[in-house]
C-alpha atoms as a PDB file:
ATOM      1  CA  MET A   1      28.160 134.071  49.526  1.00  0.00           C
ATOM      2  CA  GLY A   2      29.817 130.748  47.959  1.00  0.00           C
ATOM      3  CA  ILE A   3      29.377 130.178  44.261  1.00  0.00           C
ATOM      4  CA  ARG A   4      26.789 127.412  44.668  1.00  0.00           C
ATOM      5  CA  GLU A   5      24.236 129.940  46.639  1.00  0.00           C
ATOM      6  CA  MET A   6      25.272 132.521  43.908  1.00  0.00           C
ATOM      7  CA  ALA A   7      24.332 130.294  41.333  1.00  0.00           C
ATOM      8  CA  ARG A   8      20.894 129.025  43.006  1.00  0.00           C
ATOM      9  CA  VAL A   9      19.906 132.641  43.276  1.00  0.00           C
ATOM     10  CA  ARG A  10      20.919 133.315  39.734  1.00  0.00           C
ATOM     11  CA  SER A  11      18.952 130.258  38.385  1.00  0.00           C
ATOM     12  CA  LEU A  12      15.826 131.582  40.270  1.00  0.00           C
ATOM     13  CA  MET A  13      16.211 134.839  38.702  1.00  0.00           C
ATOM     14  CA  LEU A  14      16.451 133.311  35.221  1.00  0.00           C
ATOM     15  CA  GLU A  15      13.629 131.186  36.012  1.00  0.00           C
ATOM     16  CA  GLY A  16      11.288 134.208  36.916  1.00  0.00           C
ATOM     17  CA  ASN A  17      10.854 132.389  40.118  1.00  0.00           C
ATOM     18  CA  VAL A  18       9.639 135.327  42.244  1.00  0.00           C
ATOM     19  CA  ASP A  19       8.269 133.299  45.226  1.00  0.00           C
ATOM     20  CA  GLY A  20      12.044 131.741  45.533  1.00  0.00           C
ATOM     21  CA  LEU A  21      13.812 134.905  45.343  1.00  0.00           C
ATOM     22  CA  VAL A  22      11.783 136.331  47.976  1.00  0.00           C
ATOM     23  CA  GLU A  23      11.843 133.309  50.303  1.00  0.00           C
ATOM     24  CA  VAL A  24      15.883 133.930  49.919  1.00  0.00           C
ATOM     25  CA  LEU A  25      15.390 137.493  50.410  1.00  0.00           C
ATOM     26  CA  SER A  26      13.191 137.045  53.694  1.00  0.00           C
ATOM     27  CA  ASP A  27      15.263 134.145  55.416  1.00  0.00           C
ATOM     28  CA  GLU A  28      17.327 136.007  57.836  1.00  0.00           C
ATOM     29  CA  SER A  29      19.404 132.695  58.569  1.00  0.00           C
ATOM     30  CA  ARG A  30      20.720 133.006  54.959  1.00  0.00           C
ATOM     31  CA  PRO A  31      24.132 135.104  54.553  1.00  0.00           C
ATOM     32  CA  SER A  32      23.443 138.740  53.685  1.00  0.00           C
ATOM     33  CA  PRO A  33      25.238 138.741  50.251  1.00  0.00           C
ATOM     34  CA  GLU A  34      22.707 135.942  49.132  1.00  0.00           C
ATOM     35  CA  ARG A  35      19.688 137.890  50.359  1.00  0.00           C
ATOM     36  CA  ARG A  36      21.325 141.144  48.732  1.00  0.00           C
ATOM     37  CA  TYR A  37      21.437 139.259  45.502  1.00  0.00           C
ATOM     38  CA  ALA A  38      18.136 138.405  45.623  1.00  0.00           C
ATOM     39  CA  ALA A  39      16.854 141.542  46.274  1.00  0.00           C
ATOM     40  CA  ALA A  40      18.723 142.966  43.248  1.00  0.00           C
ATOM     41  CA  ALA A  41      17.290 140.038  41.365  1.00  0.00           C
ATOM     42  CA  LEU A  42      13.747 141.106  42.183  1.00  0.00           C
ATOM     43  CA  GLY A  43      14.478 144.303  41.222  1.00  0.00           C
ATOM     44  CA  ASP A  44      15.863 143.292  37.812  1.00  0.00           C
ATOM     45  CA  LEU A  45      12.657 141.401  37.113  1.00  0.00           C
ATOM     46  CA  HIS A  46      10.664 144.461  37.838  1.00  0.00           C
ATOM     47  CA  VAL A  47       7.856 142.673  39.592  1.00  0.00           C
ATOM     48  CA  LYS A  48       5.297 144.526  41.367  1.00  0.00           C
ATOM     49  CA  PRO A  49       4.532 141.529  43.793  1.00  0.00           C
ATOM     50  CA  ALA A  50       8.039 141.911  45.212  1.00  0.00           C
ATOM     51  CA  ILE A  51       7.317 145.400  46.827  1.00  0.00           C
ATOM     52  CA  GLY A  52       5.805 144.206  49.880  1.00  0.00           C
ATOM     53  CA  PRO A  53       8.630 141.838  50.795  1.00  0.00           C
ATOM     54  CA  LEU A  54      11.207 144.293  49.780  1.00  0.00           C
ATOM     55  CA  VAL A  55       9.640 146.949  51.870  1.00  0.00           C
ATOM     56  CA  ALA A  56       9.718 144.338  54.946  1.00  0.00           C
ATOM     57  CA  VAL A  57      13.498 144.125  54.901  1.00  0.00           C
ATOM     58  CA  LEU A  58      13.919 147.795  54.906  1.00  0.00           C
ATOM     59  CA  ASP A  59      14.631 147.528  58.784  1.00  0.00           C
ATOM     60  CA  ASP A  60      17.414 145.054  58.182  1.00  0.00           C
ATOM     61  CA  THR A  61      20.576 146.870  57.709  1.00  0.00           C
ATOM     62  CA  ARG A  62      22.081 144.019  56.028  1.00  0.00           C
ATOM     63  CA  VAL A  63      19.894 144.155  53.066  1.00  0.00           C
ATOM     64  CA  CYS A  64      17.993 147.728  53.121  1.00  0.00           C
ATOM     65  CA  GLU A  65      20.198 148.947  50.645  1.00  0.00           C
ATOM     66  CA  ALA A  66      19.521 146.596  48.063  1.00  0.00           C
ATOM     67  CA  ALA A  67      16.036 146.626  49.078  1.00  0.00           C
ATOM     68  CA  ILE A  68      15.807 150.212  48.256  1.00  0.00           C
ATOM     69  CA  GLN A  69      17.589 149.996  44.964  1.00  0.00           C
ATOM     70  CA  ALA A  70      15.261 147.170  43.808  1.00  0.00           C
ATOM     71  CA  LEU A  71      12.212 149.401  44.898  1.00  0.00           C
ATOM     72  CA  VAL A  72      13.623 152.031  42.546  1.00  0.00           C
ATOM     73  CA  ALA A  73      14.188 149.313  39.435  1.00  0.00           C
ATOM     74  CA  ILE A  74      10.490 147.944  40.080  1.00  0.00           C
ATOM     75  CA  GLY A  75       9.564 151.810  39.580  1.00  0.00           C
ATOM     76  CA  ASP A  76       5.910 151.660  41.089  1.00  0.00           C
ATOM     77  CA  PRO A  77       4.963 154.810  42.693  1.00  0.00           C
ATOM     78  CA  VAL A  78       3.570 152.969  45.849  1.00  0.00           C
ATOM     79  CA  ALA A  79       7.163 152.288  47.192  1.00  0.00           C
ATOM     80  CA  ALA A  80       7.303 156.223  47.472  1.00  0.00           C
ATOM     81  CA  ALA A  81       5.632 156.086  50.898  1.00  0.00           C
ATOM     82  CA  PRO A  82       7.715 153.397  52.618  1.00  0.00           C
ATOM     83  CA  LEU A  83      10.577 155.076  51.195  1.00  0.00           C
ATOM     84  CA  ALA A  84       9.725 158.294  52.727  1.00  0.00           C
ATOM     85  CA  GLU A  85       8.756 156.428  56.175  1.00  0.00           C
ATOM     86  CA  PHE A  86      12.452 154.937  56.028  1.00  0.00           C
ATOM     87  CA  PHE A  87      13.571 158.154  54.960  1.00  0.00           C
ATOM     88  CA  THR A  88      12.304 159.992  58.253  1.00  0.00           C
ATOM     89  CA  SER A  89      12.963 157.169  60.767  1.00  0.00           C
ATOM     90  CA  ALA A  90      16.434 155.737  59.692  1.00  0.00           C
ATOM     91  CA  ASP A  91      19.402 156.618  62.156  1.00  0.00           C
ATOM     92  CA  ASP A  92      22.070 155.815  59.674  1.00  0.00           C
ATOM     93  CA  ARG A  93      22.905 159.244  57.807  1.00  0.00           C
ATOM     94  CA  VAL A  94      24.020 157.106  54.445  1.00  0.00           C
ATOM     95  CA  LEU A  95      20.936 155.074  54.612  1.00  0.00           C
ATOM     96  CA  ARG A  96      19.021 158.105  54.840  1.00  0.00           C
ATOM     97  CA  LYS A  97      20.616 159.559  51.758  1.00  0.00           C
ATOM     98  CA  THR A  98      20.357 156.301  50.000  1.00  0.00           C
ATOM     99  CA  ALA A  99      16.432 156.645  50.712  1.00  0.00           C
ATOM    100  CA  GLU A 100      16.504 160.292  49.502  1.00  0.00           C
ATOM    101  CA  ARG A 101      18.067 159.573  45.945  1.00  0.00           C
ATOM    102  CA  ALA A 102      15.678 156.544  45.794  1.00  0.00           C
ATOM    103  CA  LEU A 103      12.884 158.781  46.099  1.00  0.00           C
ATOM    104  CA  HIS A 104      14.306 161.520  43.563  1.00  0.00           C
ATOM    105  CA  ARG A 105      15.169 158.529  41.136  1.00  0.00           C
ATOM    106  CA  LEU A 106      11.444 157.064  41.395  1.00  0.00           C
ATOM    107  CA  TYR A 107       9.975 160.810  41.146  1.00  0.00           C
ATOM    108  CA  LYS A 108      11.918 161.022  37.989  1.00  0.00           C
ATOM    109  CA  LYS A 109      10.081 157.966  36.618  1.00  0.00           C
ATOM    110  CA  ASN A 110       6.699 159.069  37.354  1.00  0.00           C
ATOM    111  CA  PRO A 111       6.482 162.437  39.033  1.00  0.00           C
ATOM    112  CA  ALA A 112       2.503 162.522  39.088  1.00  0.00           C
ATOM    113  CA  GLY A 113       2.172 158.970  40.544  1.00  0.00           C
ATOM    114  CA  VAL A 114       4.875 159.697  43.339  1.00  0.00           C
ATOM    115  CA  ARG A 115       3.294 162.945  44.132  1.00  0.00           C
ATOM    116  CA  SER A 116       0.112 161.249  44.561  1.00  0.00           C
ATOM    117  CA  VAL A 117       1.489 158.802  46.891  1.00  0.00           C
ATOM    118  CA  LEU A 118       3.358 161.221  49.057  1.00  0.00           C
ATOM    119  CA  GLU A 119       0.370 163.496  49.310  1.00  0.00           C
ATOM    120  CA  ASP A 120      -1.450 160.759  50.572  1.00  0.00           C
ATOM    121  CA  TYR A 121       1.190 159.545  53.005  1.00  0.00           C
ATOM    122  CA  GLU A 122       1.333 163.268  54.428  1.00  0.00           C
ATOM    123  CA  ARG A 123      -2.244 163.113  54.909  1.00  0.00           C
ATOM    124  CA  ASN A 124      -2.202 160.036  56.679  1.00  0.00           C
ATOM    125  CA  ARG A 125       0.695 160.820  58.665  1.00  0.00           C
ATOM    126  CA  GLY A 126      -0.863 163.889  59.861  1.00  0.00           C
ATOM    127  CA  ARG A 127      -3.713 161.841  61.172  1.00  0.00           C
ATOM    128  CA  ARG A 128      -1.747 159.423  63.149  1.00  0.00           C
ATOM    129  CA  GLY A 129      -0.262 162.384  64.791  1.00  0.00           C
ATOM    130  CA  GLU A 130      -3.376 163.988  65.934  1.00  0.00           C
END
């Protein structure tokens, strides 16, 4: 990522332009470092509307680690279910470990909330398997 792109993403962050950051994150034609920086910026802003777009890029190995870290930074327990799903489905051992650590950190922030979300996730997962 060049200085120009980095400055653009930083400017979006400083403006609190969540839509602009989500656009950068979601645009697969952009360089991976720029998208990772946008994910980190969304985490730094702690904005709950960014959870959906961050979850949407978990299947993209070029940005998923930054998205996981951003989800933890936002700290909303609702992110526990997609992180648990990612943990159970990821093929990459390192990414699975990253998701496991993220779930632990999220749990430490809000044990009751994460426990509730994961209980719902497990109940729904059990219904899908029937």
